[in-house]
Protein backbone atom coordinates (compact mmCIF):
# COMPACT_ATOMS: atom_id res chain seq x y z
CA MET A 1 -68.20 -52.46 -14.14
CA LEU A 2 -64.47 -52.62 -13.56
CA HIS A 3 -62.09 -50.85 -15.94
CA ASN A 4 -59.27 -52.82 -17.57
CA LYS A 5 -56.58 -51.31 -15.23
CA GLN A 6 -58.64 -52.12 -12.16
CA MET A 7 -59.15 -55.67 -13.38
CA LYS A 8 -55.39 -56.10 -13.86
CA LYS A 9 -54.68 -54.77 -10.37
CA LEU A 10 -57.36 -57.04 -8.88
CA ALA A 11 -55.84 -60.01 -10.70
CA TYR A 12 -52.38 -59.11 -9.39
CA LEU A 13 -53.57 -58.76 -5.80
CA THR A 14 -55.47 -62.03 -6.08
CA ALA A 15 -52.28 -63.74 -7.28
CA VAL A 16 -50.28 -62.16 -4.47
CA ALA A 17 -52.83 -63.31 -1.92
CA GLY A 18 -52.60 -66.83 -3.31
CA MET A 19 -48.82 -66.85 -3.13
CA LEU A 20 -48.86 -65.45 0.40
CA ALA A 21 -51.25 -68.17 1.45
CA ALA A 22 -49.04 -70.77 -0.22
CA SER A 23 -45.94 -69.37 1.44
CA ALA A 24 -47.63 -69.34 4.84
CA TRP A 25 -48.70 -72.99 4.34
CA TYR A 26 -45.14 -73.90 3.31
CA ALA A 27 -43.69 -72.05 6.30
CA ILE A 28 -45.98 -73.88 8.74
CA GLY A 29 -45.44 -77.23 7.05
CA GLN A 30 -41.67 -76.87 7.06
CA ASN A 31 -41.49 -75.14 10.45
CA ALA A 32 -39.78 -72.18 8.77
CA SER A 33 -38.74 -69.17 10.80
CA PRO A 34 -37.09 -65.84 9.95
CA ILE A 35 -34.48 -66.69 12.60
CA VAL A 36 -33.21 -69.79 10.79
CA PRO A 37 -30.64 -69.10 8.02
CA PRO A 38 -31.77 -69.99 4.48
CA LEU A 39 -30.40 -73.33 3.36
CA ASP A 40 -31.47 -73.25 -0.30
CA ASN A 41 -29.80 -69.98 -1.39
CA GLY A 42 -33.04 -68.02 -1.28
CA LYS A 43 -35.06 -70.31 -3.58
CA THR A 44 -37.83 -70.57 -0.99
CA SER A 45 -39.03 -67.48 0.86
CA PHE A 46 -41.34 -66.78 3.76
CA VAL A 47 -43.72 -63.82 3.60
CA GLN A 48 -46.16 -62.72 6.25
CA ILE A 49 -48.43 -59.67 6.36
CA GLY A 50 -50.06 -58.92 9.71
CA PRO A 51 -53.38 -57.19 10.28
CA ASP A 52 -51.45 -54.01 11.11
CA ALA A 53 -49.81 -54.16 7.65
CA LYS A 54 -46.48 -55.28 9.14
CA LEU A 55 -44.55 -57.13 6.46
CA THR A 56 -42.08 -59.85 7.42
CA VAL A 57 -39.99 -61.38 4.66
CA TYR A 58 -37.52 -64.20 5.04
CA ALA A 59 -34.92 -65.28 2.46
CA ALA A 60 -35.67 -62.76 -0.29
CA LYS A 61 -33.13 -62.14 -3.06
CA ILE A 62 -31.82 -58.71 -4.04
CA MET A 63 -32.20 -58.25 -7.79
CA GLN A 64 -31.03 -54.64 -8.06
CA VAL A 65 -29.39 -52.04 -5.83
CA ALA A 66 -30.19 -48.34 -6.09
CA GLY A 67 -28.36 -46.61 -3.26
CA PRO A 68 -30.26 -47.28 -0.01
CA THR A 69 -33.16 -48.87 -1.95
CA PHE A 70 -33.24 -52.53 -2.94
CA TYR A 71 -35.41 -54.22 -5.54
CA THR A 72 -36.03 -57.69 -4.14
CA ARG A 73 -37.97 -60.82 -4.90
CA ALA A 74 -39.56 -63.32 -2.57
CA LEU A 75 -39.13 -66.60 -4.44
CA TRP A 76 -40.81 -69.99 -4.59
CA GLY A 77 -38.97 -71.64 -7.42
CA ASP A 78 -40.02 -69.77 -10.56
CA VAL A 79 -42.84 -67.96 -8.76
CA PHE A 80 -41.99 -64.62 -7.14
CA ILE A 81 -43.31 -61.41 -5.62
CA ARG A 82 -41.52 -58.11 -6.27
CA ILE A 83 -40.83 -56.04 -3.17
CA ILE A 84 -39.25 -52.59 -3.10
CA LEU A 85 -37.26 -52.30 0.12
CA LYS A 86 -36.14 -48.88 1.28
CA THR A 87 -33.70 -48.19 4.13
CA ASN A 88 -32.89 -45.08 6.12
CA ASP A 89 -30.87 -44.04 9.15
CA LYS A 90 -33.43 -45.70 11.43
CA SER A 91 -33.13 -49.11 9.75
CA ALA A 92 -31.21 -51.67 11.82
CA LEU A 93 -28.95 -53.46 9.34
CA VAL A 94 -26.91 -56.49 10.44
CA LYS A 95 -24.91 -59.31 8.85
CA ARG A 96 -25.41 -63.03 9.24
CA PHE A 97 -23.52 -63.54 12.49
CA GLY A 98 -24.37 -60.16 14.00
CA GLY A 99 -22.50 -56.90 13.75
CA LYS A 100 -23.77 -53.73 12.15
CA ILE A 101 -23.53 -53.01 8.44
CA VAL A 102 -24.53 -50.08 6.24
CA ALA A 103 -26.56 -50.08 3.05
CA THR A 104 -23.45 -49.87 0.87
CA ASP A 105 -22.29 -53.24 2.25
CA ILE A 106 -25.32 -54.95 0.69
CA SER A 107 -24.95 -56.27 -2.86
CA GLN A 108 -27.02 -57.57 -5.75
CA GLY A 109 -27.66 -61.29 -5.33
CA ASP A 110 -27.55 -61.19 -1.51
CA ILE A 111 -30.14 -63.17 0.41
CA ILE A 112 -31.85 -61.07 3.07
CA SER A 113 -34.58 -61.13 5.68
CA PHE A 114 -36.34 -57.95 6.72
CA GLU A 115 -39.34 -56.39 8.35
CA GLY A 116 -41.25 -53.16 7.77
CA LYS A 117 -44.70 -51.69 7.38
CA LEU A 118 -46.43 -51.86 4.01
CA GLU A 119 -46.63 -48.59 2.12
CA SER A 120 -48.76 -47.53 -0.81
CA GLY A 121 -47.71 -49.23 -4.03
CA ASP A 122 -49.18 -50.30 -7.36
CA ALA A 123 -47.33 -53.16 -9.07
CA TYR A 124 -45.02 -53.86 -6.12
CA LEU A 125 -45.11 -54.34 -2.38
CA VAL A 126 -43.26 -51.39 -0.84
CA THR A 127 -41.79 -51.05 2.64
CA THR A 128 -39.06 -49.30 4.62
CA ALA A 129 -37.01 -51.72 6.70
CA THR A 130 -37.11 -51.43 10.45
CA TRP A 131 -34.53 -54.23 10.51
CA LEU A 132 -32.67 -56.19 7.86
CA LYS A 133 -30.32 -59.17 8.08
CA ASP A 134 -28.03 -59.93 5.15
CA TRP A 135 -27.37 -63.68 5.24
CA SER A 136 -24.80 -63.38 2.44
CA ILE A 137 -22.37 -61.30 4.50
CA GLN A 138 -20.97 -64.25 6.40
CA THR A 139 -18.38 -62.59 8.60
CA ALA A 140 -18.22 -62.38 12.36
CA GLU A 141 -15.86 -60.62 14.73
CA GLY A 142 -14.54 -62.72 17.57
CA ASP A 143 -11.74 -64.86 18.97
CA VAL A 144 -10.41 -68.31 18.16
CA SER A 145 -7.88 -70.59 19.84
CA GLY A 146 -6.27 -73.93 19.07
CA THR A 147 -3.16 -75.64 17.69
CA ILE A 148 -1.26 -74.70 14.53
CA SER A 149 -1.02 -77.65 12.12
CA SER A 150 0.95 -75.95 9.32
CA VAL A 151 2.54 -72.57 8.56
CA ASP A 152 2.80 -70.64 5.27
CA THR A 153 5.34 -67.97 6.20
CA PRO A 154 5.56 -66.21 2.78
CA ASN A 155 1.80 -65.56 2.88
CA ASN A 156 1.62 -64.76 6.60
CA SER A 157 -0.91 -67.53 7.19
CA PHE A 158 -1.30 -70.76 9.08
CA VAL A 159 -3.81 -73.56 9.41
CA LEU A 160 -5.39 -73.68 12.85
CA SER A 161 -7.29 -76.59 14.36
CA SER A 162 -9.50 -74.26 16.35
CA ASN A 163 -11.61 -75.08 19.36
CA GLU A 164 -14.43 -72.82 18.15
CA ARG A 165 -14.73 -73.26 14.36
CA GLY A 166 -12.86 -76.41 13.38
CA VAL A 167 -10.02 -76.28 10.85
CA ILE A 168 -9.59 -72.75 9.48
CA ASN A 169 -6.98 -70.73 7.64
CA VAL A 170 -5.69 -67.77 9.67
CA THR A 171 -3.96 -64.76 8.10
CA ASN A 172 -2.14 -61.94 9.82
CA ASN A 173 -0.64 -59.12 7.76
CA ASN A 174 -0.20 -56.37 10.35
CA GLY A 175 2.55 -57.83 12.54
CA GLY A 176 0.27 -58.33 15.53
CA VAL A 177 1.80 -61.62 16.67
CA TRP A 178 2.73 -62.01 20.32
CA LYS A 179 4.53 -64.75 22.18
CA GLY A 180 4.09 -63.95 25.83
CA ALA A 181 5.05 -60.29 26.27
CA ARG A 182 7.14 -60.21 23.10
CA ASN A 183 5.97 -59.00 19.67
CA ILE A 184 7.50 -61.60 17.33
CA GLN A 185 8.00 -61.92 13.58
CA PHE A 186 5.57 -64.16 11.71
CA SER A 187 8.53 -66.33 10.70
CA GLU A 188 8.93 -67.32 14.37
CA ILE A 189 5.59 -69.15 14.36
CA LYS A 190 6.07 -72.92 14.28
CA THR A 191 3.89 -75.96 13.57
CA GLY A 192 2.60 -77.26 16.88
CA ASP A 193 2.46 -73.82 18.53
CA ARG A 194 -0.64 -73.29 20.62
CA VAL A 195 -2.69 -70.16 19.93
CA THR A 196 -4.22 -69.03 23.20
CA SER A 197 -6.23 -66.30 21.49
CA ALA A 198 -6.53 -64.76 18.03
CA SER A 199 -8.85 -61.79 17.57
CA GLY A 200 -10.24 -60.78 14.19
CA VAL A 201 -12.94 -61.45 11.60
CA TYR A 202 -14.12 -64.93 10.63
CA ASN A 203 -15.54 -65.61 7.16
CA ASP A 204 -17.84 -68.63 7.24
CA ALA A 205 -18.11 -68.82 3.45
CA ASN A 206 -14.45 -69.78 2.93
CA LYS A 207 -13.46 -70.80 6.48
CA THR A 208 -10.85 -68.05 6.83
CA PHE A 209 -9.99 -65.86 9.78
CA ALA A 210 -8.32 -62.45 9.30
CA ALA A 211 -6.53 -61.90 12.60
CA ASP A 212 -5.65 -58.50 14.01
CA THR A 213 -3.71 -60.09 16.88
CA VAL A 214 -2.38 -63.59 17.48
CA LYS A 215 -1.20 -64.69 20.91
CA ILE A 216 1.07 -67.74 21.02
CA PHE A 217 1.40 -69.73 24.24
CA ILE A 218 4.78 -69.66 25.94
CA ASP A 219 5.85 -71.56 29.04
CA LYS A 220 6.61 -68.83 31.57
CA THR A 221 8.80 -71.18 33.60
CA ILE A 222 11.62 -70.77 31.07
CA PHE A 223 12.03 -67.24 32.41
CA TYR A 224 12.50 -68.37 36.00
CA PRO A 225 16.07 -67.93 37.35
CA ARG A 226 18.16 -71.13 37.21
CA ASN A 227 21.70 -72.48 36.78
CA PHE A 228 23.45 -72.59 33.40
CA ALA A 229 26.84 -73.81 32.17
CA GLY A 230 28.72 -72.42 29.19
CA ILE A 231 31.91 -71.26 27.48
CA ILE A 232 32.96 -67.63 27.04
CA ILE A 233 33.08 -66.39 23.43
CA SER A 234 33.91 -62.76 24.18
CA LEU A 235 33.82 -60.06 26.88
CA ALA A 236 32.75 -56.48 26.23
CA ASN A 237 35.08 -55.32 29.00
CA THR A 238 36.27 -56.53 32.40
CA VAL A 239 34.60 -53.92 34.61
CA LEU A 240 31.06 -54.23 35.92
CA PRO A 241 28.52 -53.54 34.55
CA THR A 242 29.27 -55.35 31.30
CA GLU A 243 28.13 -58.09 28.93
CA ILE A 244 29.68 -61.45 28.08
CA THR A 245 28.86 -63.55 25.02
CA VAL A 246 28.70 -67.29 25.73
CA THR A 247 27.50 -70.57 24.28
CA SER A 248 25.20 -72.56 26.55
CA GLU A 249 22.83 -75.48 25.90
CA GLY A 250 23.55 -75.27 22.18
CA LYS A 251 22.64 -71.58 21.92
CA GLU A 252 24.46 -68.28 21.99
CA TYR A 253 23.49 -65.91 24.80
CA THR A 254 24.50 -62.47 25.98
CA LEU A 255 25.05 -62.41 29.72
CA VAL A 256 24.05 -59.11 31.29
CA LEU A 257 26.14 -58.35 34.39
CA ASP A 258 25.28 -55.35 36.56
CA ALA A 259 27.06 -53.81 39.54
CA LYS A 260 25.41 -56.33 41.89
CA THR A 261 26.50 -59.45 40.01
CA ILE A 262 28.63 -61.73 42.24
CA VAL A 263 31.79 -62.96 40.46
CA LEU A 264 33.49 -66.09 41.87
CA ASN A 265 36.22 -68.61 41.08
CA ASN A 266 35.81 -72.39 41.08
CA LEU A 267 36.11 -72.47 44.90
CA ARG A 268 33.30 -69.88 45.19
CA SER A 269 35.66 -67.15 46.38
CA PRO A 270 35.35 -63.59 45.03
CA ILE A 271 37.54 -62.91 42.01
CA ALA A 272 38.17 -60.03 39.62
CA LEU A 273 36.35 -60.22 36.30
CA ALA A 274 39.63 -59.13 34.68
CA ARG A 275 40.86 -62.71 35.05
CA PHE A 276 38.12 -64.11 32.78
CA VAL A 277 39.22 -64.81 29.17
CA LYS A 278 37.77 -66.26 25.98
CA GLY A 279 37.34 -70.03 26.20
CA ASP A 280 36.85 -70.18 29.99
CA HIS A 281 34.27 -72.65 31.26
CA ILE A 282 31.75 -70.93 33.50
CA ARG A 283 28.61 -71.53 35.49
CA PHE A 284 26.08 -68.81 36.14
CA TYR A 285 22.72 -68.28 37.80
CA GLY A 286 20.21 -65.99 36.12
CA ALA A 287 16.98 -65.56 34.18
CA ILE A 288 16.35 -65.50 30.43
CA GLN A 289 14.73 -62.16 29.58
CA GLU A 290 11.24 -62.53 28.14
CA LEU A 291 11.46 -59.43 25.93
CA GLU A 292 14.96 -60.38 24.76
CA PRO A 293 15.27 -64.18 24.97
CA SER A 294 18.88 -64.09 23.75
CA LYS A 295 19.88 -62.29 26.96
CA ILE A 296 20.31 -63.67 30.48
CA LYS A 297 20.43 -61.35 33.48
CA VAL A 298 23.11 -62.90 35.71
CA GLU A 299 23.07 -62.77 39.50
CA VAL A 300 26.07 -65.07 40.15
CA LEU A 301 28.94 -65.87 37.76
CA ARG A 302 31.56 -68.57 38.52
CA ASN A 303 34.70 -69.39 36.53
CA LEU A 304 35.40 -73.15 36.64
CA ASP A 305 38.91 -72.75 35.20
CA LEU A 306 40.22 -70.51 38.01
């Protein structure tokens, strides 16, 4: 004759067996799989126990955290099974979109899937995880690209119509913004700029992307040598090498002249730079400097007023 405690344990195991059978039927009927992310916030779980006592649980909810041990429930509406889940340094812990995590990253209320071998237990199922995926940690490291639709300079953020994840909000607080070879200020980002690559961490829960680096497209042809026209504002001195400040194409530039710069008059004959004065109209051939776009390295300088 069974004692009262044995009868209670038998009743519990019978109930567990019934729920496992129900969950298996539900899983087959709904084509459930531990690979597919839970869509109902962990209200329906999948539990499977193999003949080798391997326990597979899908979409369980963490009810309590005790260091590396988690008190979880496999749920079917109001019906549940309690499972004590232990982790150790051999447990492979990952977040929803891949990437390793540690036990301290996991929180109460998280929805998880895991696998382990059943251990001896009385009122609970007990296992140590060989692997665990936390579906609630919805971040992923990677890259995005696309076109900037709006910029919030005070908050170092912009809205990006990305090719990979749709419309997302991108933040960058570490100054890692590059336009070509130049590290630029966030304030230099403009609506319509094309982001060739932004590297960082994407959060699927709120559609945000924390970028470590942002690379803005720049047309390299603007740095090719070409002809300019302008008016002299000032000269540093009249002996090469030197610099001249000019206005050209509606902007102010610093012309960098070195010892090889050819200086000519309007008839293209050599002339002394000492004859150049403020207000002279000039033409020059040179290249805008990518690292210092306000400077033009001049190869040929011609004074149209002489």
